[in-house]
């Protein structure tokens, strides 16, 4: 893991097209601004993990269990 120190209004670049900016620092919370192309999904980790779980669950559904879709 790369650990960087940044002050408010400073940024880091990931590759050529993702920029993360420190927007605000209040106590033990840091607000980040993330600029990325629309084709790169950006989620909080807990949201990403929930999406991943739901996708895995959906992939296990047997097509015979699905009825009346599109009627």
N, C-alpha and C. Protein backbone atom coordinates (compact mmCIF):
# COMPACT_ATOMS: atom_id res chain seq x y z
N UNK A 1 0.85 -1.17 0.00
CA UNK A 1 0.00 0.00 0.00
C UNK A 1 0.90 1.24 0.00
N UNK A 2 0.60 2.14 -0.88
CA UNK A 2 1.29 3.43 -0.93
C UNK A 2 0.56 4.39 0.02
N UNK A 3 1.26 5.03 0.92
CA UNK A 3 0.67 5.98 1.85
C UNK A 3 1.23 7.36 1.52
N UNK A 4 0.33 8.31 1.26
CA UNK A 4 0.74 9.67 0.92
C UNK A 4 0.15 10.66 1.91
N UNK A 5 0.88 11.72 2.16
CA UNK A 5 0.35 12.83 2.97
C UNK A 5 -0.07 13.94 2.02
N UNK A 6 -1.24 14.50 2.26
CA UNK A 6 -1.76 15.58 1.44
C UNK A 6 -2.46 16.58 2.36
N UNK A 7 -2.46 17.84 1.96
CA UNK A 7 -3.19 18.89 2.66
C UNK A 7 -4.49 19.16 1.90
N UNK A 8 -5.39 19.91 2.53
CA UNK A 8 -6.63 20.28 1.86
C UNK A 8 -6.32 20.97 0.54
N UNK A 9 -7.12 20.67 -0.47
CA UNK A 9 -7.00 21.20 -1.83
C UNK A 9 -5.82 20.64 -2.61
N UNK A 10 -5.11 19.66 -2.07
CA UNK A 10 -4.06 18.98 -2.82
C UNK A 10 -4.63 17.69 -3.40
N UNK A 11 -4.02 17.19 -4.45
CA UNK A 11 -4.54 16.04 -5.18
C UNK A 11 -3.47 14.99 -5.39
N UNK A 12 -3.94 13.81 -5.76
CA UNK A 12 -3.06 12.75 -6.26
C UNK A 12 -3.68 12.26 -7.57
N UNK A 13 -2.84 11.75 -8.44
CA UNK A 13 -3.29 11.20 -9.72
C UNK A 13 -3.12 9.69 -9.69
N UNK A 14 -4.10 8.99 -10.22
CA UNK A 14 -4.01 7.55 -10.43
C UNK A 14 -4.09 7.36 -11.94
N UNK A 15 -2.99 6.94 -12.52
CA UNK A 15 -2.92 6.86 -13.97
C UNK A 15 -3.01 8.27 -14.55
N UNK A 16 -3.52 8.34 -15.78
CA UNK A 16 -3.62 9.63 -16.45
C UNK A 16 -4.98 10.29 -16.31
N UNK A 17 -5.98 9.55 -15.77
CA UNK A 17 -7.32 10.10 -15.84
C UNK A 17 -8.15 9.99 -14.56
N UNK A 18 -7.53 9.67 -13.43
CA UNK A 18 -8.25 9.65 -12.15
C UNK A 18 -7.53 10.58 -11.19
N UNK A 19 -8.25 11.60 -10.71
CA UNK A 19 -7.67 12.54 -9.78
C UNK A 19 -8.48 12.51 -8.48
N UNK A 20 -7.78 12.39 -7.36
CA UNK A 20 -8.40 12.41 -6.04
C UNK A 20 -7.91 13.65 -5.33
N UNK A 21 -8.85 14.49 -4.89
CA UNK A 21 -8.53 15.75 -4.24
C UNK A 21 -9.03 15.73 -2.80
N UNK A 22 -8.22 16.22 -1.88
CA UNK A 22 -8.65 16.38 -0.49
C UNK A 22 -9.51 17.64 -0.45
N UNK A 23 -10.80 17.47 -0.20
CA UNK A 23 -11.74 18.59 -0.21
C UNK A 23 -11.83 19.25 1.16
N UNK A 24 -11.86 18.43 2.22
CA UNK A 24 -12.02 18.97 3.55
C UNK A 24 -11.48 17.98 4.58
N UNK A 25 -11.03 18.50 5.70
CA UNK A 25 -10.56 17.66 6.81
C UNK A 25 -11.21 18.21 8.07
N UNK A 26 -11.98 17.36 8.74
CA UNK A 26 -12.64 17.76 10.00
C UNK A 26 -12.43 16.66 11.02
N UNK A 27 -11.61 16.92 12.00
CA UNK A 27 -11.34 15.92 13.01
C UNK A 27 -10.74 14.68 12.38
N UNK A 28 -11.41 13.54 12.55
CA UNK A 28 -10.89 12.29 12.00
C UNK A 28 -11.54 11.92 10.68
N UNK A 29 -12.24 12.87 10.03
CA UNK A 29 -12.88 12.61 8.73
C UNK A 29 -12.22 13.43 7.64
N UNK A 30 -12.04 12.78 6.51
CA UNK A 30 -11.47 13.43 5.33
C UNK A 30 -12.50 13.32 4.22
N UNK A 31 -12.81 14.44 3.57
CA UNK A 31 -13.72 14.42 2.42
C UNK A 31 -12.87 14.44 1.16
N UNK A 32 -13.18 13.50 0.26
CA UNK A 32 -12.43 13.35 -0.98
C UNK A 32 -13.31 13.71 -2.16
N UNK A 33 -12.72 14.35 -3.14
CA UNK A 33 -13.35 14.56 -4.43
C UNK A 33 -12.64 13.66 -5.43
N UNK A 34 -13.42 12.92 -6.23
CA UNK A 34 -12.84 11.97 -7.17
C UNK A 34 -13.32 12.32 -8.57
N UNK A 35 -12.37 12.60 -9.45
CA UNK A 35 -12.68 12.84 -10.86
C UNK A 35 -12.17 11.65 -11.65
N UNK A 36 -13.10 10.97 -12.33
CA UNK A 36 -12.75 9.79 -13.12
C UNK A 36 -13.67 9.73 -14.33
N UNK A 37 -13.22 9.10 -15.41
CA UNK A 37 -14.10 8.93 -16.57
C UNK A 37 -15.35 8.15 -16.17
N UNK A 38 -16.45 8.40 -16.88
CA UNK A 38 -17.72 7.77 -16.55
C UNK A 38 -17.66 6.25 -16.65
N UNK A 39 -16.76 5.71 -17.45
CA UNK A 39 -16.69 4.26 -17.60
C UNK A 39 -15.93 3.57 -16.46
N UNK A 40 -15.42 4.36 -15.51
CA UNK A 40 -14.74 3.79 -14.35
C UNK A 40 -15.67 3.94 -13.15
N UNK A 41 -16.21 2.83 -12.64
CA UNK A 41 -17.10 2.95 -11.48
C UNK A 41 -16.33 3.35 -10.23
N UNK A 42 -16.92 4.22 -9.44
CA UNK A 42 -16.32 4.67 -8.18
C UNK A 42 -17.36 4.47 -7.09
N UNK A 43 -17.04 3.65 -6.10
CA UNK A 43 -17.96 3.35 -5.00
C UNK A 43 -17.20 3.35 -3.69
N UNK A 44 -17.92 3.63 -2.59
CA UNK A 44 -17.36 3.37 -1.28
C UNK A 44 -17.18 1.86 -1.17
N UNK A 45 -16.22 1.42 -0.37
CA UNK A 45 -15.91 -0.02 -0.29
C UNK A 45 -17.13 -0.83 0.13
N UNK A 46 -17.91 -0.37 1.12
CA UNK A 46 -19.05 -1.16 1.57
C UNK A 46 -20.13 -1.27 0.49
N UNK A 47 -20.27 -0.25 -0.34
CA UNK A 47 -21.22 -0.32 -1.45
C UNK A 47 -20.70 -1.29 -2.51
N UNK A 48 -19.42 -1.21 -2.82
CA UNK A 48 -18.81 -2.12 -3.79
C UNK A 48 -18.99 -3.57 -3.37
N UNK A 49 -18.75 -3.86 -2.08
CA UNK A 49 -18.90 -5.23 -1.59
C UNK A 49 -20.34 -5.71 -1.66
N UNK A 50 -21.31 -4.82 -1.38
CA UNK A 50 -22.73 -5.17 -1.48
C UNK A 50 -23.11 -5.47 -2.93
N UNK A 51 -22.63 -4.67 -3.86
CA UNK A 51 -22.90 -4.90 -5.28
C UNK A 51 -22.31 -6.24 -5.70
N UNK A 52 -21.10 -6.51 -5.28
CA UNK A 52 -20.43 -7.77 -5.62
C UNK A 52 -21.21 -8.97 -5.09
N UNK A 53 -21.67 -8.88 -3.83
CA UNK A 53 -22.46 -9.98 -3.24
C UNK A 53 -23.75 -10.21 -4.02
N UNK A 54 -24.44 -9.12 -4.37
CA UNK A 54 -25.70 -9.24 -5.11
C UNK A 54 -25.45 -9.83 -6.50
N UNK A 55 -24.37 -9.44 -7.15
CA UNK A 55 -24.05 -10.00 -8.47
C UNK A 55 -23.75 -11.49 -8.38
N UNK A 56 -23.03 -11.89 -7.34
CA UNK A 56 -22.73 -13.31 -7.15
C UNK A 56 -24.01 -14.09 -6.87
N UNK A 57 -24.89 -13.51 -6.06
CA UNK A 57 -26.16 -14.17 -5.76
C UNK A 57 -27.00 -14.31 -7.03
N UNK A 58 -27.05 -13.28 -7.84
CA UNK A 58 -27.83 -13.31 -9.08
C UNK A 58 -27.26 -14.33 -10.06
N UNK A 59 -25.94 -14.51 -10.06
CA UNK A 59 -25.31 -15.46 -10.97
C UNK A 59 -25.64 -16.90 -10.61
N UNK A 60 -26.05 -17.14 -9.36
CA UNK A 60 -26.37 -18.49 -8.92
C UNK A 60 -27.84 -18.86 -9.15
N UNK A 61 -28.65 -17.92 -9.62
CA UNK A 61 -30.07 -18.20 -9.84
C UNK A 61 -30.22 -19.16 -11.01
N UNK A 62 -30.99 -20.19 -10.80
CA UNK A 62 -31.29 -21.17 -11.83
C UNK A 62 -32.34 -20.56 -12.77
N UNK A 63 -32.10 -20.53 -14.08
CA UNK A 63 -33.07 -19.94 -15.01
C UNK A 63 -34.48 -20.53 -14.87
N UNK A 64 -34.59 -21.79 -14.46
CA UNK A 64 -35.92 -22.40 -14.30
C UNK A 64 -36.68 -21.79 -13.12
N UNK A 65 -35.99 -21.11 -12.23
CA UNK A 65 -36.64 -20.46 -11.08
C UNK A 65 -37.27 -19.13 -11.47
N UNK A 66 -36.93 -18.61 -12.63
CA UNK A 66 -37.43 -17.32 -13.07
C UNK A 66 -38.63 -17.56 -13.97
N UNK A 67 -39.77 -17.01 -13.61
CA UNK A 67 -40.99 -17.21 -14.41
C UNK A 67 -41.65 -15.86 -14.68
N UNK A 68 -42.35 -15.81 -15.77
CA UNK A 68 -43.20 -14.67 -16.12
C UNK A 68 -42.44 -13.37 -16.33
N UNK A 69 -41.16 -13.42 -16.66
CA UNK A 69 -40.42 -12.20 -16.93
C UNK A 69 -40.76 -11.74 -18.35
N UNK A 70 -41.14 -10.49 -18.47
CA UNK A 70 -41.45 -9.93 -19.77
C UNK A 70 -42.88 -10.17 -20.22
N UNK A 71 -43.72 -10.71 -19.38
CA UNK A 71 -45.12 -10.93 -19.78
C UNK A 71 -45.97 -9.78 -19.37
